[in-house]
């Protein structure tokens, strides 16, 4: 892995916990009537479009961000990405997030898959494939983002994805399949499939 030697501390320190939400995630209660006439309440996580970017350089490196993730409670190597602004096209959001978080720009970027976050969520997640990525400036993350840019060779990235150490495994696999690095029916040996 290159660029991982950066010593910057990206780990957050937990100083408390409570049952009350902070407001970052919105949860609504929906009541549904079943076909048999019974009714039940369901918690629904409400949100909009998000993007996750599989960013490939010309020399077969994947651009990632090393950052602390509060759910798992640890530092992970993740896909760049985030929330699309109201009315922002997913591909434009992917390009913006890639540049803000990593300082890399892509020659081409396309949305290759879309899926809901979960059965109990309204968030529509988009997998973007960015090709020809090159660093054009220093990252400019939001004030609450503490991330370090990392590049990883494609075969190592495949092992990373299959090892379950990132939160957007499905988005990563969609990008790798769209890039024809992995074939849906091929075994994963860590090498490109033809």
Protein backbone atom coordinates (compact mmCIF):
# COMPACT_ATOMS: atom_id res chain seq x y z
CA UNK A 1 0.00 0.00 0.00
CA UNK A 2 1.43 3.40 -0.85
CA UNK A 3 0.79 6.61 1.10
CA UNK A 4 -0.23 4.64 4.22
CA UNK A 5 2.85 5.82 6.11
CA UNK A 6 1.14 9.12 6.92
CA UNK A 7 1.18 9.45 10.70
CA UNK A 8 -1.86 11.72 11.03
CA UNK A 9 -4.25 10.55 13.77
CA UNK A 10 -7.68 9.94 12.26
CA UNK A 11 -9.16 8.09 15.24
CA UNK A 12 -11.92 9.81 17.14
CA UNK A 13 -12.18 9.47 20.90
CA UNK A 14 -15.59 8.53 22.28
CA UNK A 15 -16.55 10.82 25.16
CA UNK A 16 -20.15 9.76 25.70
CA UNK A 17 -23.24 7.97 24.46
CA UNK A 18 -26.99 8.51 24.82
CA UNK A 19 -30.18 7.11 23.36
CA UNK A 20 -31.26 10.46 21.90
CA UNK A 21 -30.30 10.96 18.21
CA UNK A 22 -27.97 13.80 17.22
CA UNK A 23 -30.06 14.73 14.19
CA UNK A 24 -27.58 13.58 11.53
CA UNK A 25 -29.80 10.61 10.70
CA UNK A 26 -33.56 10.98 10.49
CA UNK A 27 -35.77 8.14 11.65
CA UNK A 28 -39.53 8.16 11.07
CA UNK A 29 -42.15 5.74 12.27
CA UNK A 30 -44.44 4.44 9.54
CA UNK A 31 -47.59 2.47 10.32
CA UNK A 32 -48.54 -0.17 7.78
CA UNK A 33 -51.69 -2.24 7.43
CA UNK A 34 -50.87 -5.82 6.41
CA UNK A 35 -52.94 -7.81 3.91
CA UNK A 36 -54.52 -9.67 6.87
CA UNK A 37 -55.74 -6.37 8.38
CA UNK A 38 -53.24 -6.16 11.26
CA UNK A 39 -51.20 -2.97 11.66
CA UNK A 40 -47.60 -2.50 12.78
CA UNK A 41 -45.13 0.35 13.20
CA UNK A 42 -41.81 0.34 11.35
CA UNK A 43 -38.76 2.55 11.92
CA UNK A 44 -37.62 4.02 8.59
CA UNK A 45 -34.21 5.67 8.11
CA UNK A 46 -34.93 8.68 5.88
CA UNK A 47 -32.40 10.23 3.54
CA UNK A 48 -31.56 11.14 -0.04
CA UNK A 49 -28.91 10.23 -2.57
CA UNK A 50 -25.40 9.20 -1.59
CA UNK A 51 -22.38 8.26 -3.71
CA UNK A 52 -19.35 6.01 -3.28
CA UNK A 53 -16.51 6.22 -5.82
CA UNK A 54 -14.26 3.45 -7.10
CA UNK A 55 -11.47 5.73 -8.34
CA UNK A 56 -8.81 4.17 -10.60
CA UNK A 57 -5.54 5.78 -11.63
CA UNK A 58 -3.77 5.15 -14.96
CA UNK A 59 -1.26 2.88 -13.17
CA UNK A 60 -3.95 0.60 -11.65
CA UNK A 61 -4.13 2.11 -8.18
CA UNK A 62 -7.41 2.63 -6.31
CA UNK A 63 -7.79 5.95 -4.48
CA UNK A 64 -9.14 5.51 -0.95
CA UNK A 65 -9.53 7.50 2.26
CA UNK A 66 -8.35 6.28 5.63
CA UNK A 67 -10.84 7.52 8.20
CA UNK A 68 -12.51 6.66 11.46
CA UNK A 69 -16.01 5.22 11.10
CA UNK A 70 -18.24 5.72 14.17
CA UNK A 71 -20.50 2.69 13.56
CA UNK A 72 -17.72 0.07 13.51
CA UNK A 73 -15.73 2.25 15.92
CA UNK A 74 -12.44 1.97 14.04
CA UNK A 75 -10.29 3.40 11.27
CA UNK A 76 -11.05 1.87 7.86
CA UNK A 77 -9.80 2.32 4.30
CA UNK A 78 -12.95 3.51 2.54
CA UNK A 79 -14.21 4.63 -0.85
CA UNK A 80 -14.43 8.41 -1.22
CA UNK A 81 -18.03 9.57 -1.25
CA UNK A 82 -20.84 11.26 0.57
CA UNK A 83 -24.23 12.90 0.28
CA UNK A 84 -25.46 14.47 -2.95
CA UNK A 85 -26.80 17.99 -2.48
CA UNK A 86 -30.47 18.60 -3.26
CA UNK A 87 -30.86 18.48 -7.04
CA UNK A 88 -27.20 17.47 -7.61
CA UNK A 89 -26.76 14.68 -10.16
CA UNK A 90 -25.10 11.60 -8.64
CA UNK A 91 -22.16 11.71 -11.11
CA UNK A 92 -21.53 15.37 -10.26
CA UNK A 93 -21.70 14.55 -6.54
CA UNK A 94 -19.21 11.71 -7.05
CA UNK A 95 -16.75 14.00 -8.88
CA UNK A 96 -17.12 16.68 -6.19
CA UNK A 97 -16.67 14.24 -3.28
CA UNK A 98 -13.63 12.62 -4.93
CA UNK A 99 -11.95 16.00 -5.38
CA UNK A 100 -12.86 17.34 -1.92
CA UNK A 101 -11.81 14.22 0.00
CA UNK A 102 -8.73 13.18 -1.98
CA UNK A 103 -7.60 15.98 -4.29
CA UNK A 104 -7.99 13.62 -7.28
CA UNK A 105 -9.89 14.39 -10.48
CA UNK A 106 -11.14 11.80 -12.98
CA UNK A 107 -10.99 11.83 -16.77
CA UNK A 108 -14.34 10.03 -16.79
CA UNK A 109 -16.91 9.25 -14.13
CA UNK A 110 -20.10 7.24 -14.47
CA UNK A 111 -22.76 5.83 -12.20
CA UNK A 112 -22.61 2.04 -12.60
CA UNK A 113 -25.13 0.85 -9.99
CA UNK A 114 -27.77 2.15 -7.61
CA UNK A 115 -29.41 0.47 -4.62
CA UNK A 116 -31.25 1.28 -1.41
CA UNK A 117 -29.19 1.44 1.79
CA UNK A 118 -31.39 -1.18 3.45
CA UNK A 119 -34.94 -2.56 3.48
CA UNK A 120 -35.81 0.02 6.17
CA UNK A 121 -34.22 3.06 4.49
CA UNK A 122 -35.12 5.57 1.79
CA UNK A 123 -31.46 6.44 0.98
CA UNK A 124 -30.61 5.67 -2.63
CA UNK A 125 -26.90 4.83 -2.90
CA UNK A 126 -24.99 5.20 -6.17
CA UNK A 127 -21.75 3.43 -7.11
CA UNK A 128 -19.54 5.57 -9.33
CA UNK A 129 -16.62 4.38 -11.42
CA UNK A 130 -13.97 7.05 -11.97
CA UNK A 131 -11.18 6.34 -14.46
CA UNK A 132 -7.95 8.15 -15.24
CA UNK A 133 -7.77 9.70 -11.79
CA UNK A 134 -4.86 12.02 -11.05
CA UNK A 135 -4.04 14.21 -8.09
CA UNK A 136 -4.53 17.87 -9.00
CA UNK A 137 -4.58 19.53 -5.58
CA UNK A 138 -4.58 18.90 -1.85
CA UNK A 139 -7.83 17.53 -0.36
CA UNK A 140 -10.32 20.05 1.08
CA UNK A 141 -12.57 17.95 3.34
CA UNK A 142 -15.47 19.34 5.33
CA UNK A 143 -14.63 20.50 8.86
CA UNK A 144 -16.01 17.27 10.36
CA UNK A 145 -14.06 14.99 7.99
CA UNK A 146 -10.66 13.73 9.12
CA UNK A 147 -9.29 11.58 6.33
CA UNK A 148 -5.96 10.68 4.79
CA UNK A 149 -5.72 9.83 1.08
CA UNK A 150 -4.30 6.38 0.35
CA UNK A 151 -3.66 4.55 -2.91
CA UNK A 152 -3.73 0.78 -3.18
CA UNK A 153 -2.88 -1.56 -6.09
CA UNK A 154 -5.98 -3.14 -7.65
CA UNK A 155 -5.16 -6.76 -6.59
CA UNK A 156 -4.65 -5.63 -2.99
CA UNK A 157 -7.90 -3.64 -3.15
CA UNK A 158 -9.80 -6.75 -4.26
CA UNK A 159 -8.48 -8.63 -1.21
CA UNK A 160 -9.37 -5.60 0.96
CA UNK A 161 -12.95 -5.56 -0.34
CA UNK A 162 -13.41 -9.30 0.10
CA UNK A 163 -11.92 -9.06 3.60
CA UNK A 164 -14.91 -6.97 4.71
CA UNK A 165 -12.91 -4.03 6.04
CA UNK A 166 -14.90 -1.22 4.41
CA UNK A 167 -18.50 -0.09 4.75
CA UNK A 168 -19.35 0.09 1.02
CA UNK A 169 -18.48 -3.44 -0.07
CA UNK A 170 -21.40 -3.61 -2.49
CA UNK A 171 -20.45 -0.28 -4.09
CA UNK A 172 -16.81 -1.42 -4.42
CA UNK A 173 -17.83 -4.71 -6.07
CA UNK A 174 -20.16 -2.86 -8.47
CA UNK A 175 -17.29 -0.60 -9.53
CA UNK A 176 -14.87 -3.50 -9.99
CA UNK A 177 -17.39 -5.43 -12.11
CA UNK A 178 -18.19 -2.33 -14.21
CA UNK A 179 -14.47 -1.77 -14.77
CA UNK A 180 -14.23 -5.40 -15.96
CA UNK A 181 -11.66 -6.09 -13.25
CA UNK A 182 -13.95 -8.73 -11.75
CA UNK A 183 -16.38 -10.80 -13.74
CA UNK A 184 -19.61 -11.81 -11.97
CA UNK A 185 -18.91 -15.51 -12.54
CA UNK A 186 -15.12 -15.49 -12.19
CA UNK A 187 -13.13 -16.56 -9.17
CA UNK A 188 -11.29 -13.77 -7.40
CA UNK A 189 -7.59 -14.46 -7.48
CA UNK A 190 -6.57 -10.85 -6.96
CA UNK A 191 -5.68 -10.44 -10.63
CA UNK A 192 -7.59 -8.82 -13.47
CA UNK A 193 -10.07 -11.04 -15.25
CA UNK A 194 -10.35 -10.91 -19.05
